[in-house]
Amino acid sequence: MRKTVAALLLRPGQRLVLNLAALAFCDSSGLTALLAARNHAHAAQAEIALSAVPDRTLRMIRLIGLEQLFPLQP
C-alpha cells in the first residue's frame, strides 16, 4: 500500500479514500503506512479518509487517537 499511495498524483482538493474492508491484520507497520498516506495526501493539499475499517483495526485507531487524523466512512 505504501508504494501504491506514494505513486499517486493527488491534486489539491481531492480526497483519497482508503478502503480497508479486506484488511485482515494491522500492526504498527500498517499504522505507519496509514500515516505515510496521510502525509502524502496533505503534502498535495488533498484530503484522506478511511472506509470499511475492520472492528479490530478501528479499536486500535481509536485507542491511539488516530480518529482525529482520519475521517471515517462506512
N, C-alpha and C. Protein backbone atom coordinates (compact mmCIF):
# COMPACT_ATOMS: atom_id res chain seq x y z
N MET A 1 0.82 -1.18 0.00
CA MET A 1 0.00 0.00 0.00
C MET A 1 0.87 1.25 0.00
N ARG A 2 1.94 1.20 0.76
CA ARG A 2 2.80 2.38 0.87
C ARG A 2 3.32 2.83 -0.49
N LYS A 3 3.79 1.90 -1.30
CA LYS A 3 4.31 2.24 -2.63
C LYS A 3 3.21 2.74 -3.54
N THR A 4 2.06 2.11 -3.48
CA THR A 4 0.94 2.49 -4.34
C THR A 4 0.48 3.91 -4.04
N VAL A 5 0.32 4.21 -2.76
CA VAL A 5 -0.13 5.55 -2.38
C VAL A 5 0.92 6.60 -2.73
N ALA A 6 2.18 6.28 -2.49
CA ALA A 6 3.26 7.23 -2.80
C ALA A 6 3.31 7.56 -4.28
N ALA A 7 2.89 6.63 -5.13
CA ALA A 7 2.92 6.85 -6.58
C ALA A 7 1.71 7.64 -7.09
N LEU A 8 0.70 7.84 -6.25
CA LEU A 8 -0.49 8.57 -6.68
C LEU A 8 -0.19 10.05 -6.86
N LEU A 9 -0.68 10.60 -7.94
CA LEU A 9 -0.55 12.02 -8.20
C LEU A 9 -1.85 12.69 -7.74
N LEU A 10 -1.83 13.19 -6.54
CA LEU A 10 -3.02 13.83 -5.98
C LEU A 10 -2.99 15.32 -6.26
N ARG A 11 -4.19 15.89 -6.41
CA ARG A 11 -4.31 17.32 -6.65
C ARG A 11 -4.99 17.97 -5.45
N PRO A 12 -4.75 19.24 -5.26
CA PRO A 12 -5.42 19.96 -4.16
C PRO A 12 -6.93 19.77 -4.24
N GLY A 13 -7.53 19.50 -3.10
CA GLY A 13 -8.97 19.36 -3.03
C GLY A 13 -9.48 17.94 -3.26
N GLN A 14 -8.64 17.07 -3.79
CA GLN A 14 -9.07 15.68 -3.98
C GLN A 14 -9.16 14.99 -2.63
N ARG A 15 -9.92 13.89 -2.59
CA ARG A 15 -9.99 13.07 -1.38
C ARG A 15 -9.56 11.65 -1.72
N LEU A 16 -8.56 11.20 -1.03
CA LEU A 16 -8.09 9.83 -1.14
C LEU A 16 -8.82 9.01 -0.08
N VAL A 17 -9.57 8.00 -0.53
CA VAL A 17 -10.29 7.14 0.40
C VAL A 17 -9.65 5.75 0.36
N LEU A 18 -9.17 5.32 1.49
CA LEU A 18 -8.57 4.00 1.61
C LEU A 18 -9.61 3.03 2.14
N ASN A 19 -10.02 2.08 1.32
CA ASN A 19 -11.00 1.08 1.70
C ASN A 19 -10.24 -0.08 2.36
N LEU A 20 -10.49 -0.27 3.65
CA LEU A 20 -9.77 -1.29 4.42
C LEU A 20 -10.59 -2.56 4.64
N ALA A 21 -11.64 -2.75 3.87
CA ALA A 21 -12.54 -3.90 4.06
C ALA A 21 -11.80 -5.23 4.02
N ALA A 22 -10.80 -5.37 3.19
CA ALA A 22 -10.08 -6.64 3.05
C ALA A 22 -8.91 -6.78 4.02
N LEU A 23 -8.73 -5.80 4.88
CA LEU A 23 -7.60 -5.83 5.82
C LEU A 23 -7.82 -6.92 6.86
N ALA A 24 -6.89 -7.86 6.93
CA ALA A 24 -7.01 -8.97 7.88
C ALA A 24 -6.20 -8.71 9.15
N PHE A 25 -5.15 -7.91 9.04
CA PHE A 25 -4.26 -7.68 10.18
C PHE A 25 -3.61 -6.31 10.03
N CYS A 26 -3.48 -5.61 11.14
CA CYS A 26 -2.81 -4.31 11.11
C CYS A 26 -2.01 -4.16 12.39
N ASP A 27 -0.71 -3.93 12.24
CA ASP A 27 0.15 -3.68 13.39
C ASP A 27 0.76 -2.30 13.25
N SER A 28 1.82 -2.04 13.98
CA SER A 28 2.42 -0.70 13.94
C SER A 28 2.93 -0.34 12.55
N SER A 29 3.36 -1.33 11.78
CA SER A 29 3.81 -1.05 10.40
C SER A 29 2.64 -0.58 9.54
N GLY A 30 1.49 -1.19 9.74
CA GLY A 30 0.30 -0.77 9.00
C GLY A 30 -0.13 0.63 9.38
N LEU A 31 -0.08 0.93 10.67
CA LEU A 31 -0.43 2.28 11.12
C LEU A 31 0.55 3.30 10.57
N THR A 32 1.81 2.93 10.52
CA THR A 32 2.83 3.82 9.94
C THR A 32 2.54 4.07 8.46
N ALA A 33 2.10 3.03 7.75
CA ALA A 33 1.74 3.19 6.33
C ALA A 33 0.54 4.12 6.17
N LEU A 34 -0.43 4.02 7.08
CA LEU A 34 -1.58 4.93 7.03
C LEU A 34 -1.14 6.37 7.26
N LEU A 35 -0.25 6.56 8.21
CA LEU A 35 0.26 7.92 8.48
C LEU A 35 1.07 8.45 7.30
N ALA A 36 1.83 7.58 6.64
CA ALA A 36 2.57 8.00 5.44
C ALA A 36 1.61 8.41 4.33
N ALA A 37 0.49 7.67 4.19
CA ALA A 37 -0.52 8.02 3.20
C ALA A 37 -1.14 9.38 3.52
N ARG A 38 -1.39 9.60 4.80
CA ARG A 38 -1.94 10.91 5.22
C ARG A 38 -0.97 12.03 4.89
N ASN A 39 0.30 11.82 5.19
CA ASN A 39 1.32 12.84 4.90
C ASN A 39 1.41 13.11 3.40
N HIS A 40 1.31 12.06 2.60
CA HIS A 40 1.36 12.22 1.14
C HIS A 40 0.17 13.06 0.66
N ALA A 41 -1.00 12.74 1.17
CA ALA A 41 -2.20 13.48 0.78
C ALA A 41 -2.10 14.95 1.20
N HIS A 42 -1.67 15.17 2.42
CA HIS A 42 -1.59 16.55 2.92
C HIS A 42 -0.51 17.36 2.19
N ALA A 43 0.57 16.70 1.79
CA ALA A 43 1.61 17.40 1.02
C ALA A 43 1.06 17.89 -0.32
N ALA A 44 0.08 17.16 -0.85
CA ALA A 44 -0.56 17.55 -2.12
C ALA A 44 -1.79 18.42 -1.89
N GLN A 45 -2.03 18.83 -0.65
CA GLN A 45 -3.21 19.60 -0.27
C GLN A 45 -4.49 18.86 -0.60
N ALA A 46 -4.43 17.54 -0.46
CA ALA A 46 -5.59 16.69 -0.65
C ALA A 46 -6.05 16.18 0.71
N GLU A 47 -7.23 15.59 0.72
CA GLU A 47 -7.78 15.03 1.95
C GLU A 47 -7.60 13.51 1.92
N ILE A 48 -7.78 12.89 3.06
CA ILE A 48 -7.72 11.44 3.15
C ILE A 48 -8.81 10.98 4.11
N ALA A 49 -9.37 9.81 3.83
CA ALA A 49 -10.37 9.21 4.71
C ALA A 49 -10.21 7.70 4.65
N LEU A 50 -10.68 7.04 5.69
CA LEU A 50 -10.67 5.58 5.75
C LEU A 50 -12.10 5.08 5.66
N SER A 51 -12.29 3.99 4.92
CA SER A 51 -13.63 3.41 4.85
C SER A 51 -13.56 1.93 5.15
N ALA A 52 -14.70 1.39 5.60
CA ALA A 52 -14.85 -0.03 5.89
C ALA A 52 -13.73 -0.56 6.78
N VAL A 53 -13.44 0.18 7.82
CA VAL A 53 -12.35 -0.21 8.74
C VAL A 53 -12.83 -1.38 9.60
N PRO A 54 -12.09 -2.51 9.59
CA PRO A 54 -12.48 -3.65 10.42
C PRO A 54 -12.48 -3.27 11.91
N ASP A 55 -13.34 -3.92 12.66
CA ASP A 55 -13.53 -3.59 14.07
C ASP A 55 -12.23 -3.59 14.87
N ARG A 56 -11.40 -4.61 14.69
CA ARG A 56 -10.14 -4.67 15.47
C ARG A 56 -9.23 -3.49 15.14
N THR A 57 -9.16 -3.15 13.89
CA THR A 57 -8.32 -2.02 13.48
C THR A 57 -8.93 -0.72 13.96
N LEU A 58 -10.24 -0.62 13.91
CA LEU A 58 -10.92 0.59 14.37
C LEU A 58 -10.67 0.81 15.87
N ARG A 59 -10.72 -0.25 16.64
CA ARG A 59 -10.42 -0.12 18.08
C ARG A 59 -9.01 0.40 18.31
N MET A 60 -8.05 -0.12 17.54
CA MET A 60 -6.66 0.32 17.68
C MET A 60 -6.53 1.78 17.27
N ILE A 61 -7.16 2.17 16.18
CA ILE A 61 -7.12 3.56 15.71
C ILE A 61 -7.67 4.50 16.78
N ARG A 62 -8.78 4.11 17.38
CA ARG A 62 -9.39 4.94 18.43
C ARG A 62 -8.56 4.96 19.69
N LEU A 63 -7.98 3.83 20.06
CA LEU A 63 -7.15 3.75 21.26
C LEU A 63 -5.94 4.69 21.16
N ILE A 64 -5.36 4.74 19.99
CA ILE A 64 -4.18 5.57 19.76
C ILE A 64 -4.55 7.03 19.51
N GLY A 65 -5.80 7.28 19.14
CA GLY A 65 -6.25 8.64 18.88
C GLY A 65 -6.14 9.07 17.44
N LEU A 66 -5.96 8.11 16.55
CA LEU A 66 -5.80 8.45 15.13
C LEU A 66 -7.11 8.83 14.46
N GLU A 67 -8.25 8.61 15.12
CA GLU A 67 -9.52 9.02 14.50
C GLU A 67 -9.59 10.53 14.38
N GLN A 68 -8.73 11.23 15.10
CA GLN A 68 -8.64 12.68 14.97
C GLN A 68 -7.97 13.08 13.64
N LEU A 69 -7.17 12.16 13.09
CA LEU A 69 -6.43 12.44 11.85
C LEU A 69 -7.10 11.89 10.61
N PHE A 70 -7.92 10.86 10.78
CA PHE A 70 -8.55 10.18 9.66
C PHE A 70 -10.07 10.23 9.76
N PRO A 71 -10.73 10.96 8.90
CA PRO A 71 -12.19 10.84 8.85
C PRO A 71 -12.55 9.41 8.49
N LEU A 72 -13.59 8.90 9.14
CA LEU A 72 -14.02 7.51 8.92
C LEU A 72 -15.33 7.51 8.16
N GLN A 73 -15.40 6.64 7.14
CA GLN A 73 -16.61 6.48 6.35
C GLN A 73 -17.05 5.02 6.42
N PRO A 74 -18.34 4.78 6.25
CA PRO A 74 -18.82 3.38 6.29
C PRO A 74 -18.22 2.54 5.16
